[in-house]
Amino acid sequence: MLTINTSDLTPAQLQNYMQYAIAPRPICFATTIDQAGNINLSPFSFFNMFSTNPPLCIFSPARRVRDNTTKHTLENVLEVKECVINIVNYAMVQQTSLASTEYGKGVNEFEKAGFTMLPSQLVKPPRVAEAPVQMECVVREVIHLGENPGAGNLILAEVKVIHINEDILDEDGKIDQAKIDLVARLGGDWYCRVTPESLFKVAKPLTTLGIGVDALPKGVRNSKVLTGNDLGMLGNIEHLPADEDIDAIKGNDEVKEIFDATIGDANNRERELHELAKQWLSKGNVNDALKVVLL
C-alpha cells in the first residue's frame, strides 16, 4: 500500500489524490450577487448538507491552487449574504462545466453558459430555471480555513425556500431518485451519473439492533463465497432463526438439490449453500439466506 505524508506533497498533488479518492461529490451550482448587482454563477463540488433543523448546507470556494486568488462567489457572499444552491442533473452538466470558466468580474455566467434566470422569492440572486431543485439561502457565516493556496472558505448557507420541478416527483409528491438524474464530480475531468441502472438500496440498520457479523458462525464469517456486503446484510437480522426454522429450509427444492448432490462432501456442500445464499441475498431474501448458511 502506498503511504504518503501530506506535508510531502504540493497543494496540486494533494488535491489530485484527495479529489480522486473522496468521490463522488454532489455539486452546488451557486448563484450569488455583489452590492453593485453583478450576478455570478459557479459550480462547487466541496459541498453537502450538514443539518436538517436548521436546514443548513455548506459549500467551499477554495483559494485557487495556482495563484492563491479568491473566487467571485466568495467575494459576493461577503458583500451580499445570500445565495441560491441549484442542483445539477445530467441534462445541464455540460453547461454547468462551461459556467466554471473564470470569466472576468461582472460577466454573467447565465448568459455565457446559456442558462435561464428565474427571480427568487426571498433572496436577491436569481435561480437557474433548468435546475431540477433550487434552494434559496441566507448565508449565516463564512469560515476561512487559511490564507494559503487551496485553503477552503466554508459558506454556511441556511435554506429558506426550496423549489422543485414537478417532473421529478413521484405519486406521493416526493423526489423520485430515479427521475432526478443527478451527476456528481470525481477526480480530474471525471463525473458520474446516477441512473436507474446504477441505483441500489441498502436496508438501514434495525432500530431493534441487528445481531452483527460477530454473531455469525466462524465458518460463515470466513466464507470464501460471501463478501463483506453479504455478511453485512446477514448481520442486520434482528435475531438468529430458531432451529426448527433452519431445519424447515431443507424442504426448499434448491436446498434439497444441493444436499442430494453433495452427500459425503461437506466442503462442496458448504460452498454451494453459501453460493445459494449469495443469490438469495442479491434478491433481498435475507431471512432465508441466513437459514441456509446456518445449515
Protein backbone atom coordinates (compact mmCIF):
# COMPACT_ATOMS: atom_id res chain seq x y z
CA MET A 1 0.00 0.00 0.00
CA LEU A 2 1.26 3.46 -0.91
CA THR A 3 1.60 5.65 2.19
CA ILE A 4 2.12 9.40 1.81
CA ASN A 5 2.61 12.19 4.32
CA THR A 6 0.51 15.12 3.16
CA SER A 7 3.29 17.51 4.16
CA ASP A 8 5.48 15.95 1.46
CA LEU A 9 3.05 16.90 -1.34
CA THR A 10 2.47 20.15 -3.15
CA PRO A 11 -1.11 21.53 -2.92
CA ALA A 12 -1.72 20.44 -6.53
CA GLN A 13 -0.54 16.88 -5.85
CA LEU A 14 -2.58 16.65 -2.66
CA GLN A 15 -5.67 18.00 -4.39
CA ASN A 16 -5.33 15.34 -7.09
CA TYR A 17 -5.15 12.45 -4.63
CA MET A 18 -7.98 13.75 -2.47
CA GLN A 19 -10.39 14.61 -5.29
CA TYR A 20 -9.97 11.20 -6.90
CA ALA A 21 -10.39 9.38 -3.58
CA ILE A 22 -13.14 11.45 -1.95
CA ALA A 23 -15.81 10.99 -4.56
CA PRO A 24 -18.46 11.16 -5.87
CA ARG A 25 -19.15 14.66 -4.62
CA PRO A 26 -22.50 16.45 -5.14
CA ILE A 27 -22.38 19.74 -7.00
CA CYS A 28 -23.51 23.08 -5.60
CA PHE A 29 -24.27 25.33 -8.56
CA ALA A 30 -24.23 28.60 -6.66
CA THR A 31 -25.81 31.88 -7.72
CA THR A 32 -24.52 34.96 -5.92
CA ILE A 33 -24.65 38.72 -6.40
CA ASP A 34 -22.47 41.65 -5.32
CA GLN A 35 -23.57 45.03 -3.99
CA ALA A 36 -23.40 46.52 -7.49
CA GLY A 37 -25.85 43.89 -8.80
CA ASN A 38 -23.32 41.78 -10.72
CA ILE A 39 -24.52 38.17 -10.85
CA ASN A 40 -22.18 35.19 -10.62
CA LEU A 41 -22.95 31.53 -11.29
CA SER A 42 -20.37 28.89 -10.47
CA PRO A 43 -20.25 25.16 -9.52
CA PHE A 44 -18.54 23.77 -6.41
CA SER A 45 -18.07 20.13 -5.52
CA PHE A 46 -16.85 20.84 -2.00
CA PHE A 47 -20.50 20.71 -0.92
CA ASN A 48 -23.06 18.83 1.14
CA MET A 49 -25.93 19.15 3.62
CA PHE A 50 -24.93 19.26 7.27
CA SER A 51 -28.10 19.94 9.21
CA THR A 52 -31.84 19.49 8.81
CA ASN A 53 -33.00 21.65 11.71
CA PRO A 54 -31.90 24.30 10.89
CA PRO A 55 -31.67 23.27 7.21
CA LEU A 56 -28.02 24.03 6.50
CA CYS A 57 -25.75 23.36 3.54
CA ILE A 58 -22.05 24.14 3.31
CA PHE A 59 -20.02 24.73 0.18
CA SER A 60 -16.46 25.91 -0.13
CA PRO A 61 -14.99 28.18 -2.81
CA ALA A 62 -11.35 27.32 -2.11
CA ARG A 63 -8.49 29.69 -2.86
CA ARG A 64 -7.02 28.87 -6.27
CA VAL A 65 -4.08 26.49 -6.01
CA ARG A 66 -2.12 28.01 -8.88
CA ASP A 67 -2.05 31.65 -7.74
CA ASN A 68 -3.82 31.81 -4.34
CA THR A 69 -6.55 34.17 -5.58
CA THR A 70 -10.13 34.05 -4.32
CA LYS A 71 -13.27 33.45 -6.36
CA HIS A 72 -16.07 35.85 -7.19
CA THR A 73 -18.56 33.65 -5.33
CA LEU A 74 -16.69 34.16 -2.07
CA GLU A 75 -16.29 37.88 -2.66
CA ASN A 76 -20.00 38.21 -3.44
CA VAL A 77 -21.34 36.44 -0.33
CA LEU A 78 -19.11 38.62 1.83
CA GLU A 79 -20.93 41.61 0.34
CA VAL A 80 -24.46 40.20 -0.01
CA LYS A 81 -25.08 37.33 2.40
CA GLU A 82 -27.46 35.41 0.17
CA CYS A 83 -27.16 32.68 -2.46
CA VAL A 84 -29.13 30.11 -4.41
CA ILE A 85 -27.94 26.50 -4.47
CA ASN A 86 -29.05 24.99 -7.77
CA ILE A 87 -28.84 21.19 -8.04
CA VAL A 88 -27.19 19.83 -11.19
CA ASN A 89 -28.54 16.92 -13.24
CA TYR A 90 -27.27 15.27 -16.41
CA ALA A 91 -29.28 17.46 -18.80
CA MET A 92 -27.32 20.55 -17.69
CA VAL A 93 -23.87 19.17 -16.80
CA GLN A 94 -22.03 20.47 -19.88
CA GLN A 95 -23.43 23.97 -19.43
CA THR A 96 -22.55 23.81 -15.75
CA SER A 97 -18.97 22.97 -16.62
CA LEU A 98 -18.88 25.91 -19.04
CA ALA A 99 -20.06 28.21 -16.26
CA SER A 100 -16.97 27.26 -14.23
CA THR A 101 -14.83 29.16 -16.75
CA GLU A 102 -13.05 32.00 -14.98
CA TYR A 103 -14.73 34.90 -16.71
CA GLY A 104 -13.92 38.41 -15.52
CA LYS A 105 -15.73 40.27 -12.79
CA GLY A 106 -19.16 41.40 -13.96
CA VAL A 107 -19.52 38.74 -16.69
CA ASN A 108 -22.84 36.92 -16.26
CA GLU A 109 -22.30 33.13 -16.48
CA PHE A 110 -26.04 32.67 -17.07
CA GLU A 111 -25.54 34.27 -20.46
CA LYS A 112 -22.20 32.60 -21.21
CA ALA A 113 -23.50 29.12 -20.38
CA GLY A 114 -26.96 29.62 -21.87
CA PHE A 115 -28.98 29.25 -18.69
CA THR A 116 -32.28 30.95 -17.89
CA MET A 117 -32.55 33.30 -14.89
CA LEU A 118 -35.60 32.99 -12.66
CA PRO A 119 -36.26 35.60 -9.97
CA SER A 120 -36.06 34.26 -6.44
CA GLN A 121 -38.88 34.80 -3.96
CA LEU A 122 -36.81 35.70 -0.92
CA VAL A 123 -33.19 36.43 -1.90
CA LYS A 124 -31.56 38.70 -4.47
CA PRO A 125 -29.56 36.16 -6.54
CA PRO A 126 -31.66 34.54 -9.29
CA ARG A 127 -32.33 30.83 -9.70
CA VAL A 128 -31.31 28.56 -12.59
CA ALA A 129 -34.57 27.62 -14.31
CA GLU A 130 -33.07 24.44 -15.76
CA ALA A 131 -32.06 23.05 -12.34
CA PRO A 132 -34.42 20.36 -11.02
CA VAL A 133 -34.11 21.75 -7.47
CA GLN A 134 -33.32 25.33 -6.45
CA MET A 135 -32.73 26.35 -2.84
CA GLU A 136 -32.84 29.98 -1.75
CA CYS A 137 -30.42 30.50 1.11
CA VAL A 138 -29.27 33.08 3.60
CA VAL A 139 -25.55 32.95 4.41
CA ARG A 140 -25.19 32.59 8.17
CA GLU A 141 -21.40 32.53 8.34
CA VAL A 142 -18.24 32.29 6.26
CA ILE A 143 -15.36 30.39 7.84
CA HIS A 144 -11.92 30.99 6.34
CA LEU A 145 -9.70 27.91 6.72
CA GLY A 146 -6.43 29.56 5.78
CA GLU A 147 -4.58 32.00 3.57
CA ASN A 148 -2.52 29.51 1.56
CA PRO A 149 -3.25 28.17 -1.96
CA GLY A 150 -6.06 25.61 -1.83
CA ALA A 151 -7.43 26.78 1.52
CA GLY A 152 -11.19 26.45 1.78
CA ASN A 153 -13.77 29.05 2.73
CA LEU A 154 -16.81 27.39 4.25
CA ILE A 155 -20.05 29.15 3.34
CA LEU A 156 -22.78 28.13 5.78
CA ALA A 157 -25.99 28.58 3.82
CA GLU A 158 -29.34 28.22 5.59
CA VAL A 159 -32.05 27.03 3.21
CA LYS A 160 -35.15 29.21 3.38
CA VAL A 161 -37.14 28.26 0.25
CA ILE A 162 -36.96 25.13 -1.92
CA HIS A 163 -38.28 24.98 -5.50
CA ILE A 164 -38.70 21.52 -7.06
CA ASN A 165 -39.54 20.66 -10.67
CA GLU A 166 -42.71 18.58 -10.50
CA ASP A 167 -41.41 16.28 -13.25
CA ILE A 168 -39.03 14.63 -10.76
CA LEU A 169 -41.71 13.91 -8.15
CA ASP A 170 -43.35 10.54 -7.51
CA GLU A 171 -47.04 9.94 -6.88
CA ASP A 172 -46.59 10.87 -3.21
CA GLY A 173 -45.06 14.24 -4.03
CA LYS A 174 -41.56 13.18 -3.00
CA ILE A 175 -38.43 13.37 -5.14
CA ASP A 176 -38.02 10.20 -7.21
CA GLN A 177 -34.35 9.25 -7.05
CA ALA A 178 -34.57 7.58 -10.46
CA LYS A 179 -36.10 10.65 -12.12
CA ILE A 180 -33.83 13.44 -10.90
CA ASP A 181 -30.86 12.07 -12.93
CA LEU A 182 -28.16 13.57 -10.70
CA VAL A 183 -24.50 13.91 -11.60
CA ALA A 184 -21.50 14.18 -9.27
CA ARG A 185 -17.85 15.13 -9.50
CA LEU A 186 -14.96 12.73 -9.34
CA GLY A 187 -11.25 13.48 -9.88
CA GLY A 188 -9.84 15.40 -12.84
CA ASP A 189 -12.32 15.63 -15.72
CA TRP A 190 -14.39 12.71 -14.43
CA TYR A 191 -18.07 12.85 -13.46
CA CYS A 192 -20.60 10.13 -12.70
CA ARG A 193 -24.32 9.88 -13.40
CA VAL A 194 -26.96 8.39 -11.11
CA THR A 195 -29.06 6.27 -13.47
CA PRO A 196 -31.82 3.81 -12.55
CA GLU A 197 -29.41 1.01 -13.51
CA SER A 198 -26.79 2.25 -11.04
CA LEU A 199 -29.18 2.65 -8.12
CA PHE A 200 -29.45 0.13 -5.32
CA LYS A 201 -30.87 0.09 -1.82
CA VAL A 202 -29.22 -0.79 1.47
CA ALA A 203 -31.56 -1.54 4.36
CA LYS A 204 -30.97 0.83 7.26
CA PRO A 205 -29.69 -0.77 10.47
CA LEU A 206 -32.52 -2.05 12.63
CA THR A 207 -33.63 0.20 15.47
CA THR A 208 -34.06 -3.06 17.40
CA LEU A 209 -30.36 -3.84 16.75
CA GLY A 210 -29.08 -6.37 14.25
CA ILE A 211 -27.23 -9.42 15.55
CA GLY A 212 -23.96 -8.22 13.99
CA VAL A 213 -21.43 -10.11 11.89
CA ASP A 214 -19.71 -11.31 15.07
CA ALA A 215 -22.82 -13.35 15.94
CA LEU A 216 -22.48 -15.44 12.78
CA PRO A 217 -20.65 -18.79 12.98
CA LYS A 218 -16.93 -18.71 12.17
CA GLY A 219 -17.48 -20.76 9.01
CA VAL A 220 -19.87 -18.09 7.73
CA ARG A 221 -17.64 -15.16 8.71
CA ASN A 222 -14.67 -16.78 6.94
CA SER A 223 -16.64 -17.87 3.89
CA LYS A 224 -14.75 -17.94 0.59
CA VAL A 225 -18.01 -17.13 -1.21
CA LEU A 226 -19.75 -14.48 0.87
CA THR A 227 -18.44 -10.91 0.65
CA GLY A 228 -18.34 -8.24 3.30
CA ASN A 229 -21.55 -6.81 1.85
CA ASP A 230 -23.21 -10.21 2.16
CA LEU A 231 -22.12 -10.54 5.79
CA GLY A 232 -23.37 -7.02 6.49
CA MET A 233 -26.83 -7.99 5.27
CA LEU A 234 -26.87 -11.17 7.36
CA GLY A 235 -25.70 -9.25 10.43
CA ASN A 236 -28.62 -6.82 10.10
CA ILE A 237 -31.14 -9.53 11.02
CA GLU A 238 -32.77 -8.96 14.42
CA HIS A 239 -32.15 -12.47 15.76
CA LEU A 240 -30.88 -15.87 14.69
CA PRO A 241 -33.62 -18.15 13.35
CA ALA A 242 -34.95 -20.97 15.52
CA ASP A 243 -33.59 -24.46 14.93
CA GLU A 244 -36.92 -25.64 13.54
CA ASP A 245 -36.95 -22.78 11.02
CA ILE A 246 -33.41 -23.62 9.91
CA ASP A 247 -34.39 -27.28 9.54
CA ALA A 248 -37.50 -26.34 7.55
CA ILE A 249 -35.42 -24.64 4.83
CA LYS A 250 -34.16 -28.10 3.88
CA GLY A 251 -37.51 -28.58 2.19
CA ASN A 252 -36.67 -25.92 -0.40
CA ASP A 253 -36.10 -27.53 -3.82
CA GLU A 254 -32.77 -25.75 -4.43
CA VAL A 255 -31.50 -26.71 -0.99
CA LYS A 256 -32.60 -30.34 -1.42
CA GLU A 257 -30.77 -30.50 -4.75
CA ILE A 258 -27.54 -29.33 -3.09
CA PHE A 259 -27.86 -31.87 -0.26
CA ASP A 260 -28.53 -34.71 -2.69
CA ALA A 261 -25.58 -33.76 -4.92
CA THR A 262 -23.07 -33.38 -2.08
CA ILE A 263 -23.61 -36.46 0.07
CA GLY A 264 -20.35 -37.16 1.88
CA ASP A 265 -18.75 -33.95 0.56
CA ALA A 266 -19.02 -31.38 3.34
CA ASN A 267 -16.70 -28.81 1.77
CA ASN A 268 -18.56 -28.57 -1.52
CA ARG A 269 -21.90 -28.63 0.32
CA GLU A 270 -20.92 -25.58 2.36
CA ARG A 271 -19.61 -23.75 -0.72
CA GLU A 272 -22.77 -24.44 -2.74
CA LEU A 273 -25.04 -23.48 0.15
CA HIS A 274 -23.13 -20.23 0.50
CA GLU A 275 -23.44 -19.59 -3.23
CA LEU A 276 -27.20 -20.16 -2.99
CA ALA A 277 -27.39 -17.80 -0.02
CA LYS A 278 -25.46 -15.22 -2.02
CA GLN A 279 -28.01 -15.47 -4.85
CA TRP A 280 -30.88 -15.04 -2.41
CA LEU A 281 -29.17 -12.05 -0.77
CA SER A 282 -28.87 -10.38 -4.16
CA LYS A 283 -32.66 -10.69 -4.46
CA GLY A 284 -33.26 -9.32 -0.96
CA ASN A 285 -34.24 -12.66 0.60
CA VAL A 286 -32.08 -12.17 3.68
CA ASN A 287 -34.03 -14.29 6.20
CA ASP A 288 -33.90 -17.47 4.11
CA ALA A 289 -30.27 -16.80 3.16
CA LEU A 290 -29.37 -16.73 6.85
CA LYS A 291 -31.13 -20.06 7.39
CA VAL A 292 -29.19 -21.60 4.51
CA VAL A 293 -25.76 -20.59 5.78
CA LEU A 294 -26.65 -21.93 9.22
CA LEU A 295 -27.46 -25.43 7.93
